[in-house]
Amino acid sequence: MTDKKILIVDDDQTNRKFLNIVLSKNPNPNTNIKIIEAENGSDALSKLDNDISLILLDIYMPIMDGIEFMKNIQMNNPQYSNIPIIVLSTDDTKKQEAISWGAKDFIIKPVNPVNLWEKISKYL
């Protein structure tokens, strides 16, 4: 069995709980998902390590938003720039900016669990 760590970065506790529930229904029986949560980009930076397999990232958060988080990785923490990031946002006008700062994919909220797993499975 393969262990995969997914970092959920969202300031909304309800969104984090929903993503936890979706991720607990992992369709791949050969993969064990471990979830790490962060409330904003700054919190997420403190939890980053090379064992993280994927980041699910909100855009609008206090302290450090999702775009600033991705900029920080690209400019100050390039050792983490290979971790796939899927942005989850209600604002589709941020898609191009998110992709330009390193996001691999972009999902409009509310998140469809089937769609999320299709995206996640590309990177795990």
PDB file of N, CA and C in Angstrom:
ATOM      1  N   MET A   1       0.842  -1.189   0.000  1.00  0.00           N
ATOM      2  CA  MET A   1       0.000   0.000   0.000  1.00  0.00           C
ATOM      3  C   MET A   1       0.881   1.244   0.000  1.00  0.00           C
ATOM      4  N   THR A   2       0.488   2.218  -0.795  1.00  0.00           N
ATOM      5  CA  THR A   2       1.219   3.464  -0.908  1.00  0.00           C
ATOM      6  C   THR A   2       0.579   4.526  -0.020  1.00  0.00           C
ATOM      7  N   ASP A   3       1.400   5.262   0.719  1.00  0.00           N
ATOM      8  CA  ASP A   3       0.906   6.370   1.523  1.00  0.00           C
ATOM      9  C   ASP A   3       1.068   7.672   0.763  1.00  0.00           C
ATOM     10  N   LYS A   4       0.022   8.482   0.742  1.00  0.00           N
ATOM     11  CA  LYS A   4       0.041   9.794   0.094  1.00  0.00           C
ATOM     12  C   LYS A   4      -0.461  10.836   1.077  1.00  0.00           C
ATOM     13  N   LYS A   5       0.283  11.943   1.181  1.00  0.00           N
ATOM     14  CA  LYS A   5      -0.122  13.043   2.053  1.00  0.00           C
ATOM     15  C   LYS A   5      -0.700  14.166   1.198  1.00  0.00           C
ATOM     16  N   ILE A   6      -1.908  14.606   1.583  1.00  0.00           N
ATOM     17  CA  ILE A   6      -2.564  15.708   0.889  1.00  0.00           C
ATOM     18  C   ILE A   6      -2.722  16.851   1.881  1.00  0.00           C
ATOM     19  N   LEU A   7      -2.248  18.029   1.476  1.00  0.00           N
ATOM     20  CA  LEU A   7      -2.366  19.233   2.289  1.00  0.00           C
ATOM     21  C   LEU A   7      -3.577  20.026   1.805  1.00  0.00           C
ATOM     22  N   ILE A   8      -4.559  20.206   2.688  1.00  0.00           N
ATOM     23  CA  ILE A   8      -5.751  21.008   2.402  1.00  0.00           C
ATOM     24  C   ILE A   8      -5.512  22.395   2.992  1.00  0.00           C
ATOM     25  N   VAL A   9      -5.569  23.421   2.143  1.00  0.00           N
ATOM     26  CA  VAL A   9      -5.344  24.791   2.599  1.00  0.00           C
ATOM     27  C   VAL A   9      -6.606  25.596   2.314  1.00  0.00           C
ATOM     28  N   ASP A  10      -7.367  25.883   3.372  1.00  0.00           N
ATOM     29  CA  ASP A  10      -8.626  26.628   3.231  1.00  0.00           C
ATOM     30  C   ASP A  10      -8.959  27.242   4.581  1.00  0.00           C
ATOM     31  N   ASP A  11      -9.342  28.511   4.590  1.00  0.00           N
ATOM     32  CA  ASP A  11      -9.670  29.173   5.845  1.00  0.00           C
ATOM     33  C   ASP A  11     -11.049  28.767   6.383  1.00  0.00           C
ATOM     34  N   ASP A  12     -11.875  28.163   5.552  1.00  0.00           N
ATOM     35  CA  ASP A  12     -13.222  27.776   5.950  1.00  0.00           C
ATOM     36  C   ASP A  12     -13.223  26.343   6.483  1.00  0.00           C
ATOM     37  N   GLN A  13     -13.540  26.212   7.766  1.00  0.00           N
ATOM     38  CA  GLN A  13     -13.528  24.887   8.401  1.00  0.00           C
ATOM     39  C   GLN A  13     -14.518  23.931   7.739  1.00  0.00           C
ATOM     40  N   THR A  14     -15.667  24.442   7.295  1.00  0.00           N
ATOM     41  CA  THR A  14     -16.661  23.597   6.627  1.00  0.00           C
ATOM     42  C   THR A  14     -16.095  23.025   5.330  1.00  0.00           C
ATOM     43  N   ASN A  15     -15.384  23.838   4.573  1.00  0.00           N
ATOM     44  CA  ASN A  15     -14.759  23.347   3.341  1.00  0.00           C
ATOM     45  C   ASN A  15     -13.708  22.284   3.640  1.00  0.00           C
ATOM     46  N   ARG A  16     -12.896  22.502   4.676  1.00  0.00           N
ATOM     47  CA  ARG A  16     -11.879  21.503   5.047  1.00  0.00           C
ATOM     48  C   ARG A  16     -12.546  20.196   5.461  1.00  0.00           C
ATOM     49  N   LYS A  17     -13.635  20.288   6.231  1.00  0.00           N
ATOM     50  CA  LYS A  17     -14.350  19.080   6.664  1.00  0.00           C
ATOM     51  C   LYS A  17     -14.927  18.336   5.459  1.00  0.00           C
ATOM     52  N   PHE A  18     -15.535  19.079   4.522  1.00  0.00           N
ATOM     53  CA  PHE A  18     -16.078  18.471   3.309  1.00  0.00           C
ATOM     54  C   PHE A  18     -14.969  17.746   2.532  1.00  0.00           C
ATOM     55  N   LEU A  19     -13.830  18.397   2.349  1.00  0.00           N
ATOM     56  CA  LEU A  19     -12.724  17.768   1.615  1.00  0.00           C
ATOM     57  C   LEU A  19     -12.200  16.543   2.346  1.00  0.00           C
ATOM     58  N   ASN A  20     -12.160  16.587   3.674  1.00  0.00           N
ATOM     59  CA  ASN A  20     -11.776  15.413   4.462  1.00  0.00           C
ATOM     60  C   ASN A  20     -12.710  14.246   4.188  1.00  0.00           C
ATOM     61  N   ILE A  21     -14.008  14.525   4.144  1.00  0.00           N
ATOM     62  CA  ILE A  21     -14.998  13.467   3.883  1.00  0.00           C
ATOM     63  C   ILE A  21     -14.808  12.896   2.483  1.00  0.00           C
ATOM     64  N   VAL A  22     -14.648  13.782   1.495  1.00  0.00           N
ATOM     65  CA  VAL A  22     -14.440  13.322   0.114  1.00  0.00           C
ATOM     66  C   VAL A  22     -13.173  12.481   0.022  1.00  0.00           C
ATOM     67  N   LEU A  23     -12.094  12.943   0.647  1.00  0.00           N
ATOM     68  CA  LEU A  23     -10.819  12.215   0.562  1.00  0.00           C
ATOM     69  C   LEU A  23     -10.864  10.892   1.330  1.00  0.00           C
ATOM     70  N   SER A  24     -11.719  10.805   2.337  1.00  0.00           N
ATOM     71  CA  SER A  24     -11.835   9.545   3.087  1.00  0.00           C
ATOM     72  C   SER A  24     -12.494   8.452   2.250  1.00  0.00           C
ATOM     73  N   LYS A  25     -13.172   8.840   1.185  1.00  0.00           N
ATOM     74  CA  LYS A  25     -13.814   7.878   0.293  1.00  0.00           C
ATOM     75  C   LYS A  25     -12.905   7.575  -0.902  1.00  0.00           C
ATOM     76  N   ASN A  26     -11.650   7.415  -0.618  1.00  0.00           N
ATOM     77  CA  ASN A  26     -10.624   7.157  -1.624  1.00  0.00           C
ATOM     78  C   ASN A  26     -11.000   5.954  -2.492  1.00  0.00           C
ATOM     79  N   PRO A  27     -11.141   6.148  -3.797  1.00  0.00           N
ATOM     80  CA  PRO A  27     -11.520   5.038  -4.674  1.00  0.00           C
ATOM     81  C   PRO A  27     -10.376   4.069  -4.975  1.00  0.00           C
ATOM     82  N   ASN A  28      -9.158   4.429  -4.596  1.00  0.00           N
ATOM     83  CA  ASN A  28      -8.008   3.566  -4.877  1.00  0.00           C
ATOM     84  C   ASN A  28      -7.645   2.773  -3.623  1.00  0.00           C
ATOM     85  N   PRO A  29      -7.943   1.477  -3.593  1.00  0.00           N
ATOM     86  CA  PRO A  29      -7.667   0.682  -2.389  1.00  0.00           C
ATOM     87  C   PRO A  29      -6.181   0.475  -2.117  1.00  0.00           C
ATOM     88  N   ASN A  30      -5.323   0.781  -3.091  1.00  0.00           N
ATOM     89  CA  ASN A  30      -3.884   0.599  -2.905  1.00  0.00           C
ATOM     90  C   ASN A  30      -3.182   1.848  -2.379  1.00  0.00           C
ATOM     91  N   THR A  31      -3.957   2.901  -2.119  1.00  0.00           N
ATOM     92  CA  THR A  31      -3.384   4.148  -1.640  1.00  0.00           C
ATOM     93  C   THR A  31      -4.018   4.540  -0.322  1.00  0.00           C
ATOM     94  N   ASN A  32      -3.178   4.846   0.643  1.00  0.00           N
ATOM     95  CA  ASN A  32      -3.627   5.329   1.939  1.00  0.00           C
ATOM     96  C   ASN A  32      -3.429   6.848   1.955  1.00  0.00           C
ATOM     97  N   ILE A  33      -4.517   7.598   2.145  1.00  0.00           N
ATOM     98  CA  ILE A  33      -4.465   9.054   2.134  1.00  0.00           C
ATOM     99  C   ILE A  33      -4.328   9.576   3.561  1.00  0.00           C
ATOM    100  N   LYS A  34      -3.303  10.394   3.790  1.00  0.00           N
ATOM    101  CA  LYS A  34      -3.157  11.100   5.065  1.00  0.00           C
ATOM    102  C   LYS A  34      -3.403  12.573   4.778  1.00  0.00           C
ATOM    103  N   ILE A  35      -4.242  13.201   5.596  1.00  0.00           N
ATOM    104  CA  ILE A  35      -4.631  14.587   5.370  1.00  0.00           C
ATOM    105  C   ILE A  35      -3.975  15.495   6.395  1.00  0.00           C
ATOM    106  N   ILE A  36      -3.434  16.598   5.888  1.00  0.00           N
ATOM    107  CA  ILE A  36      -2.893  17.656   6.726  1.00  0.00           C
ATOM    108  C   ILE A  36      -3.704  18.900   6.389  1.00  0.00           C
ATOM    109  N   GLU A  37      -4.070  19.684   7.387  1.00  0.00           N
ATOM    110  CA  GLU A  37      -4.869  20.879   7.153  1.00  0.00           C
ATOM    111  C   GLU A  37      -4.102  22.134   7.533  1.00  0.00           C
ATOM    112  N   ALA A  38      -4.378  23.205   6.771  1.00  0.00           N
ATOM    113  CA  ALA A  38      -3.845  24.525   7.074  1.00  0.00           C
ATOM    114  C   ALA A  38      -4.954  25.544   6.835  1.00  0.00           C
ATOM    115  N   GLU A  39      -4.959  26.616   7.642  1.00  0.00           N
ATOM    116  CA  GLU A  39      -6.022  27.618   7.574  1.00  0.00           C
ATOM    117  C   GLU A  39      -5.717  28.767   6.625  1.00  0.00           C
ATOM    118  N   ASN A  40      -4.470  28.888   6.184  1.00  0.00           N
ATOM    119  CA  ASN A  40      -4.075  29.945   5.255  1.00  0.00           C
ATOM    120  C   ASN A  40      -2.707  29.594   4.674  1.00  0.00           C
ATOM    121  N   GLY A  41      -2.250  30.410   3.747  1.00  0.00           N
ATOM    122  CA  GLY A  41      -0.981  30.116   3.086  1.00  0.00           C
ATOM    123  C   GLY A  41       0.209  30.101   4.020  1.00  0.00           C
ATOM    124  N   SER A  42       0.216  31.004   4.992  1.00  0.00           N
ATOM    125  CA  SER A  42       1.322  31.052   5.948  1.00  0.00           C
ATOM    126  C   SER A  42       1.372  29.770   6.785  1.00  0.00           C
ATOM    127  N   ASP A  43       0.221  29.345   7.267  1.00  0.00           N
ATOM    128  CA  ASP A  43       0.105  28.097   8.020  1.00  0.00           C
ATOM    129  C   ASP A  43       0.563  26.924   7.148  1.00  0.00           C
ATOM    130  N   ALA A  44       0.168  26.942   5.868  1.00  0.00           N
ATOM    131  CA  ALA A  44       0.545  25.860   4.948  1.00  0.00           C
ATOM    132  C   ALA A  44       2.054  25.810   4.729  1.00  0.00           C
ATOM    133  N   LEU A  45       2.698  26.971   4.604  1.00  0.00           N
ATOM    134  CA  LEU A  45       4.156  26.994   4.416  1.00  0.00           C
ATOM    135  C   LEU A  45       4.866  26.317   5.586  1.00  0.00           C
ATOM    136  N   SER A  46       4.333  26.505   6.780  1.00  0.00           N
ATOM    137  CA  SER A  46       4.969  25.900   7.963  1.00  0.00           C
ATOM    138  C   SER A  46       4.774  24.388   8.006  1.00  0.00           C
ATOM    139  N   LYS A  47       3.820  23.870   7.222  1.00  0.00           N
ATOM    140  CA  LYS A  47       3.538  22.430   7.224  1.00  0.00           C
ATOM    141  C   LYS A  47       4.076  21.710   5.988  1.00  0.00           C
ATOM    142  N   LEU A  48       4.675  22.467   5.081  1.00  0.00           N
ATOM    143  CA  LEU A  48       5.208  21.856   3.859  1.00  0.00           C
ATOM    144  C   LEU A  48       6.398  20.967   4.151  1.00  0.00           C
ATOM    145  N   ASP A  49       6.442  19.836   3.501  1.00  0.00           N
ATOM    146  CA  ASP A  49       7.638  18.994   3.491  1.00  0.00           C
ATOM    147  C   ASP A  49       7.626  18.172   2.206  1.00  0.00           C
ATOM    148  N   ASN A  50       8.711  17.507   1.929  1.00  0.00           N
ATOM    149  CA  ASN A  50       8.845  16.776   0.668  1.00  0.00           C
ATOM    150  C   ASN A  50       7.998  15.517   0.600  1.00  0.00           C
ATOM    151  N   ASP A  51       7.347  15.148   1.705  1.00  0.00           N
ATOM    152  CA  ASP A  51       6.476  13.973   1.699  1.00  0.00           C
ATOM    153  C   ASP A  51       5.063  14.297   1.216  1.00  0.00           C
ATOM    154  N   ILE A  52       4.740  15.570   1.037  1.00  0.00           N
ATOM    155  CA  ILE A  52       3.401  15.942   0.583  1.00  0.00           C
ATOM    156  C   ILE A  52       3.275  15.609  -0.899  1.00  0.00           C
ATOM    157  N   SER A  53       2.214  14.892  -1.233  1.00  0.00           N
ATOM    158  CA  SER A  53       1.993  14.427  -2.607  1.00  0.00           C
ATOM    159  C   SER A  53       1.149  15.386  -3.426  1.00  0.00           C
ATOM    160  N   LEU A  54       0.297  16.198  -2.751  1.00  0.00           N
ATOM    161  CA  LEU A  54      -0.656  17.055  -3.453  1.00  0.00           C
ATOM    162  C   LEU A  54      -1.141  18.140  -2.495  1.00  0.00           C
ATOM    163  N   ILE A  55      -1.432  19.330  -3.064  1.00  0.00           N
ATOM    164  CA  ILE A  55      -1.993  20.431  -2.273  1.00  0.00           C
ATOM    165  C   ILE A  55      -3.330  20.827  -2.891  1.00  0.00           C
ATOM    166  N   LEU A  56      -4.375  20.906  -2.053  1.00  0.00           N
ATOM    167  CA  LEU A  56      -5.672  21.450  -2.454  1.00  0.00           C
ATOM    168  C   LEU A  56      -5.731  22.841  -1.842  1.00  0.00           C
ATOM    169  N   LEU A  57      -5.799  23.867  -2.679  1.00  0.00           N
ATOM    170  CA  LEU A  57      -5.567  25.236  -2.241  1.00  0.00           C
ATOM    171  C   LEU A  57      -6.725  26.177  -2.574  1.00  0.00           C
ATOM    172  N   ASP A  58      -7.219  26.862  -1.553  1.00  0.00           N
ATOM    173  CA  ASP A  58      -8.202  27.927  -1.744  1.00  0.00           C
ATOM    174  C   ASP A  58      -7.446  29.188  -2.168  1.00  0.00           C
ATOM    175  N   ILE A  59      -8.133  30.111  -2.836  1.00  0.00           N
ATOM    176  CA  ILE A  59      -7.500  31.372  -3.235  1.00  0.00           C
ATOM    177  C   ILE A  59      -7.674  32.443  -2.164  1.00  0.00           C
ATOM    178  N   TYR A  60      -8.909  32.687  -1.758  1.00  0.00           N
ATOM    179  CA  TYR A  60      -9.189  33.795  -0.842  1.00  0.00           C
ATOM    180  C   TYR A  60      -9.108  33.347   0.614  1.00  0.00           C
ATOM    181  N   MET A  61      -8.028  33.797   1.289  1.00  0.00           N
ATOM    182  CA  MET A  61      -7.810  33.477   2.695  1.00  0.00           C
ATOM    183  C   MET A  61      -7.141  34.674   3.365  1.00  0.00           C
ATOM    184  N   PRO A  62      -7.347  34.831   4.680  1.00  0.00           N
ATOM    185  CA  PRO A  62      -6.639  35.909   5.386  1.00  0.00           C
ATOM    186  C   PRO A  62      -5.156  35.555   5.582  1.00  0.00           C
ATOM    187  N   ILE A  63      -4.388  36.505   5.986  1.00  0.00           N
ATOM    188  CA  ILE A  63      -2.960  36.407   6.301  1.00  0.00           C
ATOM    189  C   ILE A  63      -2.123  36.187   5.042  1.00  0.00           C
ATOM    190  N   MET A  64      -2.318  35.058   4.357  1.00  0.00           N
ATOM    191  CA  MET A  64      -1.642  34.790   3.077  1.00  0.00           C
ATOM    192  C   MET A  64      -2.606  34.015   2.201  1.00  0.00           C
ATOM    193  N   ASP A  65      -2.987  34.616   1.071  1.00  0.00           N
ATOM    194  CA  ASP A  65      -3.937  33.944   0.184  1.00  0.00           C
ATOM    195  C   ASP A  65      -3.237  32.903  -0.691  1.00  0.00           C
ATOM    196  N   GLY A  66      -4.026  32.218  -1.495  1.00  0.00           N
ATOM    197  CA  GLY A  66      -3.494  31.125  -2.306  1.00  0.00           C
ATOM    198  C   GLY A  66      -2.475  31.565  -3.347  1.00  0.00           C
ATOM    199  N   ILE A  67      -2.723  32.711  -3.981  1.00  0.00           N
ATOM    200  CA  ILE A  67      -1.772  33.207  -4.985  1.00  0.00           C
ATOM    201  C   ILE A  67      -0.439  33.557  -4.315  1.00  0.00           C
ATOM    202  N   GLU A  68      -0.494  34.244  -3.164  1.00  0.00           N
ATOM    203  CA  GLU A  68       0.744  34.583  -2.443  1.00  0.00           C
ATOM    204  C   GLU A  68       1.484  33.310  -2.003  1.00  0.00           C
ATOM    205  N   PHE A  69       0.731  32.298  -1.603  1.00  0.00           N
ATOM    206  CA  PHE A  69       1.334  31.018  -1.221  1.00  0.00           C
ATOM    207  C   PHE A  69       2.109  30.420  -2.401  1.00  0.00           C
ATOM    208  N   MET A  70       1.484  30.413  -3.580  1.00  0.00           N
ATOM    209  CA  MET A  70       2.159  29.850  -4.761  1.00  0.00           C
ATOM    210  C   MET A  70       3.363  30.696  -5.175  1.00  0.00           C
ATOM    211  N   LYS A  71       3.241  32.020  -5.083  1.00  0.00           N
ATOM    212  CA  LYS A  71       4.378  32.903  -5.378  1.00  0.00           C
ATOM    213  C   LYS A  71       5.536  32.606  -4.434  1.00  0.00           C
ATOM    214  N   ASN A  72       5.209  32.413  -3.151  1.00  0.00           N
ATOM    215  CA  ASN A  72       6.240  32.126  -2.156  1.00  0.00           C
ATOM    216  C   ASN A  72       6.977  30.838  -2.487  1.00  0.00           C
ATOM    217  N   ILE A  73       6.234  29.821  -2.895  1.00  0.00           N
ATOM    218  CA  ILE A  73       6.886  28.554  -3.269  1.00  0.00           C
ATOM    219  C   ILE A  73       7.812  28.778  -4.463  1.00  0.00           C
ATOM    220  N   GLN A  74       7.328  29.444  -5.496  1.00  0.00           N
ATOM    221  CA  GLN A  74       8.130  29.642  -6.709  1.00  0.00           C
ATOM    222  C   GLN A  74       9.383  30.465  -6.440  1.00  0.00           C
ATOM    223  N   MET A  75       9.265  31.497  -5.611  1.00  0.00           N
ATOM    224  CA  MET A  75      10.382  32.416  -5.409  1.00  0.00           C
ATOM    225  C   MET A  75      11.269  32.056  -4.222  1.00  0.00           C
ATOM    226  N   ASN A  76      10.706  31.494  -3.162  1.00  0.00           N
ATOM    227  CA  ASN A  76      11.471  31.286  -1.928  1.00  0.00           C
ATOM    228  C   ASN A  76      11.644  29.827  -1.516  1.00  0.00           C
ATOM    229  N   ASN A  77      10.819  28.948  -2.038  1.00  0.00           N
ATOM    230  CA  ASN A  77      10.860  27.533  -1.635  1.00  0.00           C
ATOM    231  C   ASN A  77      10.778  26.618  -2.854  1.00  0.00           C
ATOM    232  N   PRO A  78      11.693  26.782  -3.810  1.00  0.00           N
ATOM    233  CA  PRO A  78      11.585  26.008  -5.050  1.00  0.00           C
ATOM    234  C   PRO A  78      11.668  24.493  -4.848  1.00  0.00           C
ATOM    235  N   GLN A  79      12.165  24.060  -3.703  1.00  0.00           N
ATOM    236  CA  GLN A  79      12.230  22.618  -3.432  1.00  0.00           C
ATOM    237  C   GLN A  79      10.840  21.994  -3.366  1.00  0.00           C
ATOM    238  N   TYR A  80       9.802  22.828  -3.197  1.00  0.00           N
ATOM    239  CA  TYR A  80       8.429  22.332  -3.143  1.00  0.00           C
ATOM    240  C   TYR A  80       7.658  22.594  -4.434  1.00  0.00           C
ATOM    241  N   SER A  81       8.296  23.175  -5.416  1.00  0.00           N
ATOM    242  CA  SER A  81       7.590  23.572  -6.633  1.00  0.00           C
ATOM    243  C   SER A  81       7.128  22.380  -7.476  1.00  0.00           C
ATOM    244  N   ASN A  82       7.623  21.178  -7.165  1.00  0.00           N
ATOM    245  CA  ASN A  82       7.194  19.991  -7.903  1.00  0.00           C
ATOM    246  C   ASN A  82       5.940  19.348  -7.302  1.00  0.00           C
ATOM    247  N   ILE A  83       5.452  19.850  -6.165  1.00  0.00           N
ATOM    248  CA  ILE A  83       4.234  19.310  -5.560  1.00  0.00           C
ATOM    249  C   ILE A  83       3.042  19.837  -6.355  1.00  0.00           C
ATOM    250  N   PRO A  84       2.213  18.946  -6.907  1.00  0.00           N
ATOM    251  CA  PRO A  84       1.045  19.408  -7.667  1.00  0.00           C
ATOM    252  C   PRO A  84       0.059  20.171  -6.782  1.00  0.00           C
ATOM    253  N   ILE A  85      -0.437  21.294  -7.316  1.00  0.00           N
ATOM    254  CA  ILE A  85      -1.422  22.107  -6.608  1.00  0.00           C
ATOM    255  C   ILE A  85      -2.699  22.153  -7.440  1.00  0.00           C
ATOM    256  N   ILE A  86      -3.815  21.820  -6.792  1.00  0.00           N
ATOM    257  CA  ILE A  86      -5.131  21.979  -7.402  1.00  0.00           C
ATOM    258  C   ILE A  86      -5.821  23.102  -6.643  1.00  0.00           C
ATOM    259  N   VAL A  87      -6.148  24.177  -7.355  1.00  0.00           N
ATOM    260  CA  VAL A  87      -6.814  25.315  -6.741  1.00  0.00           C
ATOM    261  C   VAL A  87      -8.322  25.078  -6.755  1.00  0.00           C
ATOM    262  N   LEU A  88      -8.950  25.372  -5.611  1.00  0.00           N
ATOM    263  CA  LEU A  88     -10.402  25.269  -5.461  1.00  0.00           C
ATOM    264  C   LEU A  88     -10.903  26.671  -5.132  1.00  0.00           C
ATOM    265  N   SER A  89     -11.723  27.251  -6.005  1.00  0.00           N
ATOM    266  CA  SER A  89     -12.151  28.631  -5.795  1.00  0.00           C
ATOM    267  C   SER A  89     -13.537  28.879  -6.386  1.00  0.00           C
ATOM    268  N   THR A  90     -14.205  29.874  -5.833  1.00  0.00           N
ATOM    269  CA  THR A  90     -15.485  30.312  -6.398  1.00  0.00           C
ATOM    270  C   THR A  90     -15.258  31.317  -7.521  1.00  0.00           C
ATOM    271  N   ASP A  91     -14.048  31.820  -7.667  1.00  0.00           N
ATOM    272  CA  ASP A  91     -13.733  32.891  -8.610  1.00  0.00           C
ATOM    273  C   ASP A  91     -12.935  32.367  -9.802  1.00  0.00           C
ATOM    274  N   ASP A  92     -13.639  32.090 -10.912  1.00  0.00           N
ATOM    275  CA  ASP A  92     -12.934  31.543 -12.069  1.00  0.00           C
ATOM    276  C   ASP A  92     -12.066  32.575 -12.789  1.00  0.00           C
ATOM    277  N   THR A  93     -12.176  33.852 -12.408  1.00  0.00           N
ATOM    278  CA  THR A  93     -11.301  34.860 -13.014  1.00  0.00           C
ATOM    279  C   THR A  93      -9.862  34.721 -12.520  1.00  0.00           C
ATOM    280  N   LYS A  94      -9.640  33.937 -11.482  1.00  0.00           N
ATOM    281  CA  LYS A  94      -8.292  33.732 -10.931  1.00  0.00           C
ATOM    282  C   LYS A  94      -7.579  32.534 -11.559  1.00  0.00           C
ATOM    283  N   LYS A  95      -8.270  31.815 -12.433  1.00  0.00           N
ATOM    284  CA  LYS A  95      -7.700  30.584 -12.989  1.00  0.00           C
ATOM    285  C   LYS A  95      -6.369  30.826 -13.688  1.00  0.00           C
ATOM    286  N   GLN A  96      -6.305  31.788 -14.599  1.00  0.00           N
ATOM    287  CA  GLN A  96      -5.076  31.999 -15.361  1.00  0.00           C
ATOM    288  C   GLN A  96      -3.920  32.413 -14.463  1.00  0.00           C
ATOM    289  N   GLU A  97      -4.202  33.281 -13.490  1.00  0.00           N
ATOM    290  CA  GLU A  97      -3.158  33.696 -12.549  1.00  0.00           C
ATOM    291  C   GLU A  97      -2.665  32.510 -11.724  1.00  0.00           C
ATOM    292  N   ALA A  98      -3.592  31.676 -11.277  1.00  0.00           N
ATOM    293  CA  ALA A  98      -3.215  30.500 -10.486  1.00  0.00           C
ATOM    294  C   ALA A  98      -2.340  29.551 -11.304  1.00  0.00           C
ATOM    295  N   ILE A  99      -2.719  29.310 -12.549  1.00  0.00           N
ATOM    296  CA  ILE A  99      -1.927  28.421 -13.419  1.00  0.00           C
ATOM    297  C   ILE A  99      -0.540  29.033 -13.647  1.00  0.00           C
ATOM    298  N   SER A 100      -0.491  30.349 -13.839  1.00  0.00           N
ATOM    299  CA  SER A 100       0.806  30.992 -14.098  1.00  0.00           C
ATOM    300  C   SER A 100       1.736  30.917 -12.893  1.00  0.00           C
ATOM    301  N   TRP A 101       1.184  30.780 -11.685  1.00  0.00           N
ATOM    302  CA  TRP A 101       2.003  30.662 -10.486  1.00  0.00           C
ATOM    303  C   TRP A 101       2.195  29.215 -10.037  1.00  0.00           C
ATOM    304  N   GLY A 102       1.846  28.267 -10.886  1.00  0.00           N
ATOM    305  CA  GLY A 102       2.211  26.882 -10.590  1.00  0.00           C
ATOM    306  C   GLY A 102       1.086  25.910 -10.338  1.00  0.00           C
ATOM    307  N   ALA A 103      -0.165  26.361 -10.311  1.00  0.00           N
ATOM    308  CA  ALA A 103      -1.263  25.417 -10.115  1.00  0.00           C
ATOM    309  C   ALA A 103      -1.346  24.471 -11.308  1.00  0.00           C
ATOM    310  N   LYS A 104      -1.570  23.207 -11.047  1.00  0.00           N
ATOM    311  CA  LYS A 104      -1.712  22.218 -12.112  1.00  0.00           C
ATOM    312  C   LYS A 104      -3.148  22.129 -12.615  1.00  0.00           C
ATOM    313  N   ASP A 105      -4.100  22.482 -11.729  1.00  0.00           N
ATOM    314  CA  ASP A 105      -5.498  22.387 -12.095  1.00  0.00           C
ATOM    315  C   ASP A 105      -6.304  23.378 -11.286  1.00  0.00           C
ATOM    316  N   PHE A 106      -7.552  23.594 -11.702  1.00  0.00           N
ATOM    317  CA  PHE A 106      -8.418  24.597 -11.088  1.00  0.00           C
ATOM    318  C   PHE A 106      -9.839  24.053 -11.090  1.00  0.00           C
ATOM    319  N   ILE A 107     -10.472  24.055  -9.925  1.00  0.00           N
ATOM    320  CA  ILE A 107     -11.844  23.564  -9.794  1.00  0.00           C
ATOM    321  C   ILE A 107     -12.695  24.679  -9.194  1.00  0.00           C
ATOM    322  N   ILE A 108     -13.840  24.924  -9.811  1.00  0.00           N
ATOM    323  CA  ILE A 108     -14.780  25.919  -9.300  1.00  0.00           C
ATOM    324  C   ILE A 108     -15.603  25.300  -8.166  1.00  0.00           C
ATOM    325  N   LYS A 109     -15.703  26.021  -7.047  1.00  0.00           N
ATOM    326  CA  LYS A 109     -16.562  25.603  -5.940  1.00  0.00           C
ATOM    327  C   LYS A 109     -18.002  25.946  -6.291  1.00  0.00           C
ATOM    328  N   PRO A 110     -18.973  25.181  -5.838  1.00  0.00           N
ATOM    329  CA  PRO A 110     -18.835  24.022  -4.968  1.00  0.00           C
ATOM    330  C   PRO A 110     -18.202  22.843  -5.706  1.00  0.00           C
ATOM    331  N   VAL A 111     -17.381  22.129  -4.985  1.00  0.00           N
ATOM    332  CA  VAL A 111     -16.610  21.031  -5.548  1.00  0.00           C
ATOM    333  C   VAL A 111     -17.487  19.798  -5.720  1.00  0.00           C
ATOM    334  N   ASN A 112     -17.420  19.216  -6.910  1.00  0.00           N
ATOM    335  CA  ASN A 112     -18.080  17.947  -7.182  1.00  0.00           C
ATOM    336  C   ASN A 112     -17.086  16.836  -6.807  1.00  0.00           C
ATOM    337  N   PRO A 113     -17.444  15.944  -5.871  1.00  0.00           N
ATOM    338  CA  PRO A 113     -16.499  14.914  -5.424  1.00  0.00           C
ATOM    339  C   PRO A 113     -15.951  14.039  -6.556  1.00  0.00           C
ATOM    340  N   VAL A 114     -16.782  13.669  -7.515  1.00  0.00           N
ATOM    341  CA  VAL A 114     -16.314  12.830  -8.629  1.00  0.00           C
ATOM    342  C   VAL A 114     -15.280  13.591  -9.453  1.00  0.00           C
ATOM    343  N   ASN A 115     -15.568  14.844  -9.757  1.00  0.00           N
ATOM    344  CA  ASN A 115     -14.642  15.685 -10.507  1.00  0.00           C
ATOM    345  C   ASN A 115     -13.329  15.859  -9.738  1.00  0.00           C
ATOM    346  N   LEU A 116     -13.425  16.071  -8.428  1.00  0.00           N
ATOM    347  CA  LEU A 116     -12.219  16.233  -7.609  1.00  0.00           C
ATOM    348  C   LEU A 116     -11.349  14.989  -7.679  1.00  0.00           C
ATOM    349  N   TRP A 117     -11.962  13.803  -7.537  1.00  0.00           N
ATOM    350  CA  TRP A 117     -11.177  12.571  -7.589  1.00  0.00           C
ATOM    351  C   TRP A 117     -10.563  12.349  -8.980  1.00  0.00           C
ATOM    352  N   GLU A 118     -11.269  12.760 -10.029  1.00  0.00           N
ATOM    353  CA  GLU A 118     -10.689  12.654 -11.377  1.00  0.00           C
ATOM    354  C   GLU A 118      -9.426  13.483 -11.470  1.00  0.00           C
ATOM    355  N   LYS A 119      -9.463  14.691 -10.928  1.00  0.00           N
ATOM    356  CA  LYS A 119      -8.294  15.581 -10.947  1.00  0.00           C
ATOM    357  C   LYS A 119      -7.183  15.028 -10.078  1.00  0.00           C
ATOM    358  N   ILE A 120      -7.526  14.640  -8.855  1.00  0.00           N
ATOM    359  CA  ILE A 120      -6.523  14.124  -7.915  1.00  0.00           C
ATOM    360  C   ILE A 120      -5.815  12.909  -8.470  1.00  0.00           C
ATOM    361  N   SER A 121      -6.564  12.009  -9.093  1.00  0.00           N
ATOM    362  CA  SER A 121      -5.970  10.751  -9.585  1.00  0.00           C
ATOM    363  C   SER A 121      -4.916  10.980 -10.668  1.00  0.00           C
ATOM    364  N   LYS A 122      -4.942  12.129 -11.330  1.00  0.00           N
ATOM    365  CA  LYS A 122      -3.901  12.453 -12.310  1.00  0.00           C
ATOM    366  C   LYS A 122      -2.533  12.647 -11.663  1.00  0.00           C
ATOM    367  N   TYR A 123      -2.542  13.039 -10.379  1.00  0.00           N
ATOM    368  CA  TYR A 123      -1.293  13.448  -9.728  1.00  0.00           C
ATOM    369  C   TYR A 123      -0.815  12.511  -8.625  1.00  0.00           C
ATOM    370  N   LEU A 124      -1.661  11.581  -8.186  1.00  0.00           N
ATOM    371  CA  LEU A 124      -1.224  10.669  -7.116  1.00  0.00           C
ATOM    372  C   LEU A 124      -0.713   9.364  -7.670  1.00  0.00           C
TER     373      LEU A 124
END
